[in-house]
Amino acid sequence: MTLSVDRPLLYPDRDGQSMADNTRQFQWIVLIKENLEWIFADDPQVFIAGDLLWYPIQGDPKTRVAPDVLVVFGRPKGDRGSYKQWEEDNIAPQVVFEILSPGNTLQEMLKKQQFYDRHGVEEYYIYNPDGHDLAGLQRIDGTLTAIETVENWTSPRLGIRFAFTPENLTIYRPDGERFLTTIELATARNAERERADAAEAQAQQQQQRAERLAAQLRALGVEPEE
């Protein structure tokens, strides 16, 4: 007699596919993910991830997808091996991004669109850096619907704006500043730190001058005013 043993279902953290097929695709994934992290750094209830497997249905590990970038409002920041929706108050990612590579097929992208539509994504953006094409879909009346004019479109959820230059797509943060590369972000942080250090040094110098002047006045028998 053979006893059946119920084994727990496995939800792998990897799907065996690479995050990006080339450097340009990878750069765009990092650019979008890191700038969104910057925008929502002070909100503990916005979770952002890149190339993370999303399992929308408990008990169905075959139904899954790994968006290039996903954004979930209402879930805490933190490390995850995958995004199991039933463990996340059943909150689906509201915004997803896909950056195309030459290896992507029309059938593949259509299946992803159907997946996102079926499982509750509110905004879906697809960018082809080689063809310089951006497409966007927004949930209207329960269905992901193409955004007719994506030029200067502002994401309702993210507050970011998409604009085109002759050579490239430019994305602007809600404060009007453009998305920066990792190097540019580091440079901006260093410049801000240097400005803060310079202001602190100047304040210390002024304090030291004021203390020397007060000491000189006291030496002359004059009590400096507070």
C-alpha atoms as a PDB file:
ATOM      1  CA  MET A   1       0.000   0.000   0.000  1.00  0.00           C
ATOM      2  CA  THR A   2       1.386   3.378  -1.004  1.00  0.00           C
ATOM      3  CA  LEU A   3       0.624   6.371   1.162  1.00  0.00           C
ATOM      4  CA  SER A   4       0.193   9.677  -0.612  1.00  0.00           C
ATOM      5  CA  VAL A   5       2.034  12.572   0.920  1.00  0.00           C
ATOM      6  CA  ASP A   6       0.833  16.113   0.371  1.00  0.00           C
ATOM      7  CA  ARG A   7       3.865  18.166  -0.483  1.00  0.00           C
ATOM      8  CA  PRO A   8       3.788  21.947  -0.204  1.00  0.00           C
ATOM      9  CA  LEU A   9       3.642  23.769  -3.491  1.00  0.00           C
ATOM     10  CA  LEU A  10       6.824  25.469  -4.557  1.00  0.00           C
ATOM     11  CA  TYR A  11       6.839  29.047  -5.767  1.00  0.00           C
ATOM     12  CA  PRO A  12      10.313  29.506  -7.297  1.00  0.00           C
ATOM     13  CA  ASP A  13      12.002  32.875  -6.936  1.00  0.00           C
ATOM     14  CA  ARG A  14      13.444  32.600 -10.436  1.00  0.00           C
ATOM     15  CA  ASP A  15      11.886  31.750 -13.792  1.00  0.00           C
ATOM     16  CA  GLY A  16      15.155  30.905 -15.515  1.00  0.00           C
ATOM     17  CA  GLN A  17      15.016  33.960 -17.757  1.00  0.00           C
ATOM     18  CA  SER A  18      17.560  36.781 -17.733  1.00  0.00           C
ATOM     19  CA  MET A  19      16.618  40.178 -16.369  1.00  0.00           C
ATOM     20  CA  ALA A  20      17.750  41.929 -19.553  1.00  0.00           C
ATOM     21  CA  ASP A  21      19.019  40.943 -22.978  1.00  0.00           C
ATOM     22  CA  ASN A  22      21.333  43.903 -23.495  1.00  0.00           C
ATOM     23  CA  THR A  23      22.888  46.874 -21.734  1.00  0.00           C
ATOM     24  CA  ARG A  24      20.370  49.432 -23.018  1.00  0.00           C
ATOM     25  CA  GLN A  25      17.407  47.441 -21.726  1.00  0.00           C
ATOM     26  CA  PHE A  26      19.106  46.952 -18.365  1.00  0.00           C
ATOM     27  CA  GLN A  27      19.944  50.658 -18.073  1.00  0.00           C
ATOM     28  CA  TRP A  28      16.311  51.604 -18.589  1.00  0.00           C
ATOM     29  CA  ILE A  29      15.101  49.085 -16.025  1.00  0.00           C
ATOM     30  CA  VAL A  30      17.546  50.446 -13.455  1.00  0.00           C
ATOM     31  CA  LEU A  31      16.744  54.075 -14.355  1.00  0.00           C
ATOM     32  CA  ILE A  32      13.020  53.636 -13.796  1.00  0.00           C
ATOM     33  CA  LYS A  33      13.288  51.438 -10.711  1.00  0.00           C
ATOM     34  CA  GLU A  34      15.878  53.575  -8.889  1.00  0.00           C
ATOM     35  CA  ASN A  35      14.146  56.884  -9.602  1.00  0.00           C
ATOM     36  CA  LEU A  36      10.823  55.519  -8.390  1.00  0.00           C
ATOM     37  CA  GLU A  37      12.607  54.367  -5.234  1.00  0.00           C
ATOM     38  CA  TRP A  38      13.886  57.940  -4.846  1.00  0.00           C
ATOM     39  CA  ILE A  39      10.414  59.465  -5.346  1.00  0.00           C
ATOM     40  CA  PHE A  40       8.758  57.198  -2.773  1.00  0.00           C
ATOM     41  CA  ALA A  41      11.704  56.870  -0.370  1.00  0.00           C
ATOM     42  CA  ASP A  42       9.765  58.531   2.464  1.00  0.00           C
ATOM     43  CA  ASP A  43       6.620  56.444   2.048  1.00  0.00           C
ATOM     44  CA  PRO A  44       7.007  53.126   3.890  1.00  0.00           C
ATOM     45  CA  GLN A  45       3.895  51.751   2.206  1.00  0.00           C
ATOM     46  CA  VAL A  46       5.138  51.757  -1.377  1.00  0.00           C
ATOM     47  CA  PHE A  47       6.942  48.619  -2.509  1.00  0.00           C
ATOM     48  CA  ILE A  48       9.011  48.790  -5.713  1.00  0.00           C
ATOM     49  CA  ALA A  49      10.933  45.959  -7.336  1.00  0.00           C
ATOM     50  CA  GLY A  50      12.632  44.986 -10.571  1.00  0.00           C
ATOM     51  CA  ASP A  51      12.409  41.568 -12.234  1.00  0.00           C
ATOM     52  CA  LEU A  52      10.509  40.065  -9.288  1.00  0.00           C
ATOM     53  CA  LEU A  53       8.185  37.115  -9.891  1.00  0.00           C
ATOM     54  CA  TRP A  54       4.570  37.949  -9.100  1.00  0.00           C
ATOM     55  CA  TYR A  55       2.252  35.067  -8.157  1.00  0.00           C
ATOM     56  CA  PRO A  56      -1.339  36.340  -8.114  1.00  0.00           C
ATOM     57  CA  ILE A  57      -3.118  33.094  -7.187  1.00  0.00           C
ATOM     58  CA  GLN A  58      -2.441  30.898  -4.178  1.00  0.00           C
ATOM     59  CA  GLY A  59      -2.117  27.252  -5.171  1.00  0.00           C
ATOM     60  CA  ASP A  60      -1.207  28.067  -8.770  1.00  0.00           C
ATOM     61  CA  PRO A  61       2.578  28.487  -9.067  1.00  0.00           C
ATOM     62  CA  LYS A  62       2.406  28.251 -12.864  1.00  0.00           C
ATOM     63  CA  THR A  63       0.488  31.513 -13.123  1.00  0.00           C
ATOM     64  CA  ARG A  64       3.235  34.064 -12.701  1.00  0.00           C
ATOM     65  CA  VAL A  65       5.093  36.862 -14.407  1.00  0.00           C
ATOM     66  CA  ALA A  66       8.162  38.980 -13.640  1.00  0.00           C
ATOM     67  CA  PRO A  67       7.615  42.595 -14.721  1.00  0.00           C
ATOM     68  CA  ASP A  68      10.748  44.589 -15.418  1.00  0.00           C
ATOM     69  CA  VAL A  69       9.525  47.053 -12.771  1.00  0.00           C
ATOM     70  CA  LEU A  70       6.488  46.816 -10.526  1.00  0.00           C
ATOM     71  CA  VAL A  71       5.028  49.280  -8.030  1.00  0.00           C
ATOM     72  CA  VAL A  72       2.646  48.336  -5.218  1.00  0.00           C
ATOM     73  CA  PHE A  73       0.897  50.972  -3.129  1.00  0.00           C
ATOM     74  CA  GLY A  74      -0.236  49.807   0.282  1.00  0.00           C
ATOM     75  CA  ARG A  75       2.508  47.258   0.919  1.00  0.00           C
ATOM     76  CA  PRO A  76       5.620  47.824   3.064  1.00  0.00           C
ATOM     77  CA  LYS A  77       9.106  48.122   1.689  1.00  0.00           C
ATOM     78  CA  GLY A  78      11.408  45.183   2.326  1.00  0.00           C
ATOM     79  CA  ASP A  79      13.113  42.187   0.789  1.00  0.00           C
ATOM     80  CA  ARG A  80      11.089  39.475  -0.921  1.00  0.00           C
ATOM     81  CA  GLY A  81      12.037  36.409  -2.913  1.00  0.00           C
ATOM     82  CA  SER A  82       8.843  36.838  -4.922  1.00  0.00           C
ATOM     83  CA  TYR A  83       5.575  38.715  -4.651  1.00  0.00           C
ATOM     84  CA  LYS A  84       2.911  36.268  -3.463  1.00  0.00           C
ATOM     85  CA  GLN A  85      -0.241  38.336  -3.644  1.00  0.00           C
ATOM     86  CA  TRP A  86      -2.201  36.352  -1.026  1.00  0.00           C
ATOM     87  CA  GLU A  87       0.536  37.177   1.495  1.00  0.00           C
ATOM     88  CA  GLU A  88       0.299  40.884   0.626  1.00  0.00           C
ATOM     89  CA  ASP A  89      -3.322  41.580   1.668  1.00  0.00           C
ATOM     90  CA  ASN A  90      -4.236  40.409  -1.848  1.00  0.00           C
ATOM     91  CA  ILE A  91      -3.031  43.734  -3.275  1.00  0.00           C
ATOM     92  CA  ALA A  92      -1.955  43.472  -6.899  1.00  0.00           C
ATOM     93  CA  PRO A  93       0.783  45.709  -8.298  1.00  0.00           C
ATOM     94  CA  GLN A  94      -0.926  48.850  -9.540  1.00  0.00           C
ATOM     95  CA  VAL A  95       1.786  49.896 -12.015  1.00  0.00           C
ATOM     96  CA  VAL A  96       4.128  47.794 -14.145  1.00  0.00           C
ATOM     97  CA  PHE A  97       6.792  48.608 -16.724  1.00  0.00           C
ATOM     98  CA  GLU A  98       8.207  46.445 -19.486  1.00  0.00           C
ATOM     99  CA  ILE A  99      11.350  47.451 -21.393  1.00  0.00           C
ATOM    100  CA  LEU A 100      11.513  45.676 -24.729  1.00  0.00           C
ATOM    101  CA  SER A 101      14.528  43.967 -26.223  1.00  0.00           C
ATOM    102  CA  PRO A 102      15.006  42.509 -29.717  1.00  0.00           C
ATOM    103  CA  GLY A 103      14.198  39.106 -28.250  1.00  0.00           C
ATOM    104  CA  ASN A 104      10.658  40.036 -27.202  1.00  0.00           C
ATOM    105  CA  THR A 105       7.891  38.747 -29.446  1.00  0.00           C
ATOM    106  CA  LEU A 106       4.468  40.226 -30.137  1.00  0.00           C
ATOM    107  CA  GLN A 107       2.830  37.078 -28.770  1.00  0.00           C
ATOM    108  CA  GLU A 108       4.835  37.333 -25.549  1.00  0.00           C
ATOM    109  CA  MET A 109       3.837  40.959 -24.997  1.00  0.00           C
ATOM    110  CA  LEU A 110       0.200  40.208 -25.784  1.00  0.00           C
ATOM    111  CA  LYS A 111       0.187  37.433 -23.174  1.00  0.00           C
ATOM    112  CA  LYS A 112       1.682  39.822 -20.613  1.00  0.00           C
ATOM    113  CA  GLN A 113      -0.939  42.432 -21.409  1.00  0.00           C
ATOM    114  CA  GLN A 114      -3.687  39.852 -20.917  1.00  0.00           C
ATOM    115  CA  PHE A 115      -2.081  38.764 -17.626  1.00  0.00           C
ATOM    116  CA  TYR A 116      -1.904  42.326 -16.313  1.00  0.00           C
ATOM    117  CA  ASP A 117      -5.437  43.037 -17.445  1.00  0.00           C
ATOM    118  CA  ARG A 118      -6.795  39.890 -15.811  1.00  0.00           C
ATOM    119  CA  HIS A 119      -5.015  40.407 -12.498  1.00  0.00           C
ATOM    120  CA  GLY A 120      -5.801  44.031 -11.783  1.00  0.00           C
ATOM    121  CA  VAL A 121      -2.902  46.214 -12.946  1.00  0.00           C
ATOM    122  CA  GLU A 122      -4.040  49.845 -13.217  1.00  0.00           C
ATOM    123  CA  GLU A 123      -1.253  51.244 -15.409  1.00  0.00           C
ATOM    124  CA  TYR A 124       0.988  49.372 -17.840  1.00  0.00           C
ATOM    125  CA  TYR A 125       3.845  51.034 -19.711  1.00  0.00           C
ATOM    126  CA  ILE A 126       5.898  49.437 -22.497  1.00  0.00           C
ATOM    127  CA  TYR A 127       9.025  51.136 -23.826  1.00  0.00           C
ATOM    128  CA  ASN A 128      11.161  50.073 -26.775  1.00  0.00           C
ATOM    129  CA  PRO A 129      14.493  51.921 -26.418  1.00  0.00           C
ATOM    130  CA  ASP A 130      15.699  50.737 -29.821  1.00  0.00           C
ATOM    131  CA  GLY A 131      12.618  51.914 -31.691  1.00  0.00           C
ATOM    132  CA  HIS A 132      12.115  54.895 -29.368  1.00  0.00           C
ATOM    133  CA  ASP A 133       8.480  53.905 -28.856  1.00  0.00           C
ATOM    134  CA  LEU A 134       6.406  54.210 -25.694  1.00  0.00           C
ATOM    135  CA  ALA A 135       2.943  52.736 -25.226  1.00  0.00           C
ATOM    136  CA  GLY A 136       0.765  53.002 -22.169  1.00  0.00           C
ATOM    137  CA  LEU A 137      -2.449  51.437 -20.956  1.00  0.00           C
ATOM    138  CA  GLN A 138      -4.721  52.598 -18.167  1.00  0.00           C
ATOM    139  CA  ARG A 139      -7.552  50.710 -16.489  1.00  0.00           C
ATOM    140  CA  ILE A 140     -10.855  52.230 -17.538  1.00  0.00           C
ATOM    141  CA  ASP A 141     -14.181  50.601 -16.666  1.00  0.00           C
ATOM    142  CA  GLY A 142     -12.330  47.506 -15.477  1.00  0.00           C
ATOM    143  CA  THR A 143     -10.203  46.998 -18.584  1.00  0.00           C
ATOM    144  CA  LEU A 144      -6.689  48.066 -19.546  1.00  0.00           C
ATOM    145  CA  THR A 145      -7.221  50.552 -22.352  1.00  0.00           C
ATOM    146  CA  ALA A 146      -4.594  52.160 -24.583  1.00  0.00           C
ATOM    147  CA  ILE A 147      -3.655  55.735 -23.732  1.00  0.00           C
ATOM    148  CA  GLU A 148      -4.233  57.626 -26.968  1.00  0.00           C
ATOM    149  CA  THR A 149      -1.632  60.355 -26.407  1.00  0.00           C
ATOM    150  CA  VAL A 150       1.268  59.291 -24.231  1.00  0.00           C
ATOM    151  CA  GLU A 151       3.378  62.380 -25.056  1.00  0.00           C
ATOM    152  CA  ASN A 152       3.409  64.551 -21.904  1.00  0.00           C
ATOM    153  CA  TRP A 153       1.207  61.964 -20.186  1.00  0.00           C
ATOM    154  CA  THR A 154       1.317  62.099 -16.385  1.00  0.00           C
ATOM    155  CA  SER A 155       0.829  58.832 -14.530  1.00  0.00           C
ATOM    156  CA  PRO A 156      -2.175  59.139 -12.176  1.00  0.00           C
ATOM    157  CA  ARG A 157      -0.574  56.774  -9.673  1.00  0.00           C
ATOM    158  CA  LEU A 158       3.084  57.815  -9.856  1.00  0.00           C
ATOM    159  CA  GLY A 159       2.844  61.478 -10.761  1.00  0.00           C
ATOM    160  CA  ILE A 160       5.669  61.097 -13.290  1.00  0.00           C
ATOM    161  CA  ARG A 161       5.487  62.630 -16.774  1.00  0.00           C
ATOM    162  CA  PHE A 162       6.695  61.163 -20.065  1.00  0.00           C
ATOM    163  CA  ALA A 163       8.165  63.456 -22.724  1.00  0.00           C
ATOM    164  CA  PHE A 164      10.106  62.855 -25.916  1.00  0.00           C
ATOM    165  CA  THR A 165      13.250  64.472 -27.259  1.00  0.00           C
ATOM    166  CA  PRO A 166      14.507  63.765 -30.788  1.00  0.00           C
ATOM    167  CA  GLU A 167      16.880  61.113 -29.422  1.00  0.00           C
ATOM    168  CA  ASN A 168      15.254  59.736 -26.334  1.00  0.00           C
ATOM    169  CA  LEU A 169      12.419  59.387 -23.870  1.00  0.00           C
ATOM    170  CA  THR A 170      12.689  61.677 -20.865  1.00  0.00           C
ATOM    171  CA  ILE A 171      10.770  60.956 -17.671  1.00  0.00           C
ATOM    172  CA  TYR A 172      10.156  63.723 -15.143  1.00  0.00           C
ATOM    173  CA  ARG A 173       9.579  63.331 -11.434  1.00  0.00           C
ATOM    174  CA  PRO A 174       6.579  65.005  -9.751  1.00  0.00           C
ATOM    175  CA  ASP A 175       8.897  67.879  -8.707  1.00  0.00           C
ATOM    176  CA  GLY A 176       9.674  68.575 -12.376  1.00  0.00           C
ATOM    177  CA  GLU A 177      13.219  67.193 -12.313  1.00  0.00           C
ATOM    178  CA  ARG A 178      14.084  64.559 -14.889  1.00  0.00           C
ATOM    179  CA  PHE A 179      14.937  60.986 -14.006  1.00  0.00           C
ATOM    180  CA  LEU A 180      18.665  60.668 -13.320  1.00  0.00           C
ATOM    181  CA  THR A 181      21.031  57.787 -13.899  1.00  0.00           C
ATOM    182  CA  THR A 182      22.677  56.097 -10.931  1.00  0.00           C
ATOM    183  CA  ILE A 183      25.847  58.105 -11.532  1.00  0.00           C
ATOM    184  CA  GLU A 184      23.880  61.337 -11.777  1.00  0.00           C
ATOM    185  CA  LEU A 185      21.991  60.491  -8.598  1.00  0.00           C
ATOM    186  CA  ALA A 186      25.265  59.853  -6.766  1.00  0.00           C
ATOM    187  CA  THR A 187      26.713  63.107  -8.112  1.00  0.00           C
ATOM    188  CA  ALA A 188      23.619  65.008  -6.982  1.00  0.00           C
ATOM    189  CA  ARG A 189      23.855  63.473  -3.506  1.00  0.00           C
ATOM    190  CA  ASN A 190      27.542  64.384  -3.266  1.00  0.00           C
ATOM    191  CA  ALA A 191      26.860  67.947  -4.411  1.00  0.00           C
ATOM    192  CA  GLU A 192      24.080  68.291  -1.839  1.00  0.00           C
ATOM    193  CA  ARG A 193      26.357  66.907   0.867  1.00  0.00           C
ATOM    194  CA  GLU A 194      29.131  69.320  -0.129  1.00  0.00           C
ATOM    195  CA  ARG A 195      26.715  72.262   0.008  1.00  0.00           C
ATOM    196  CA  ALA A 196      25.562  71.184   3.463  1.00  0.00           C
ATOM    197  CA  ASP A 197      29.161  70.777   4.661  1.00  0.00           C
ATOM    198  CA  ALA A 198      30.094  74.205   3.270  1.00  0.00           C
ATOM    199  CA  ALA A 199      27.103  75.838   4.980  1.00  0.00           C
ATOM    200  CA  GLU A 200      28.008  74.163   8.271  1.00  0.00           C
ATOM    201  CA  ALA A 201      31.643  75.274   7.966  1.00  0.00           C
ATOM    202  CA  GLN A 202      30.553  78.830   7.246  1.00  0.00           C
ATOM    203  CA  ALA A 203      28.246  78.828  10.265  1.00  0.00           C
ATOM    204  CA  GLN A 204      31.083  77.559  12.463  1.00  0.00           C
ATOM    205  CA  GLN A 205      33.403  80.297  11.165  1.00  0.00           C
ATOM    206  CA  GLN A 206      30.800  82.958  11.925  1.00  0.00           C
ATOM    207  CA  GLN A 207      30.332  81.541  15.406  1.00  0.00           C
ATOM    208  CA  GLN A 208      34.082  81.564  16.007  1.00  0.00           C
ATOM    209  CA  ARG A 209      34.379  85.189  14.818  1.00  0.00           C
ATOM    210  CA  ALA A 210      31.511  86.181  17.110  1.00  0.00           C
ATOM    211  CA  GLU A 211      33.212  84.467  20.071  1.00  0.00           C
ATOM    212  CA  ARG A 212      36.556  86.189  19.334  1.00  0.00           C
ATOM    213  CA  LEU A 213      34.839  89.578  19.095  1.00  0.00           C
ATOM    214  CA  ALA A 214      33.011  88.956  22.367  1.00  0.00           C
ATOM    215  CA  ALA A 215      36.305  88.032  24.051  1.00  0.00           C
ATOM    216  CA  GLN A 216      37.957  91.232  22.748  1.00  0.00           C
ATOM    217  CA  LEU A 217      35.093  93.381  24.056  1.00  0.00           C
ATOM    218  CA  ARG A 218      35.279  91.761  27.471  1.00  0.00           C
ATOM    219  CA  ALA A 219      39.037  92.423  27.550  1.00  0.00           C
ATOM    220  CA  LEU A 220      38.174  96.103  27.070  1.00  0.00           C
ATOM    221  CA  GLY A 221      35.644  95.966  29.896  1.00  0.00           C
ATOM    222  CA  VAL A 222      32.628  95.934  27.636  1.00  0.00           C
ATOM    223  CA  GLU A 223      30.054  93.230  28.076  1.00  0.00           C
ATOM    224  CA  PRO A 224      28.780  92.187  24.601  1.00  0.00           C
ATOM    225  CA  GLU A 225      25.057  92.184  24.018  1.00  0.00           C
ATOM    226  CA  GLU A 226      23.415  88.782  23.732  1.00  0.00           C
END
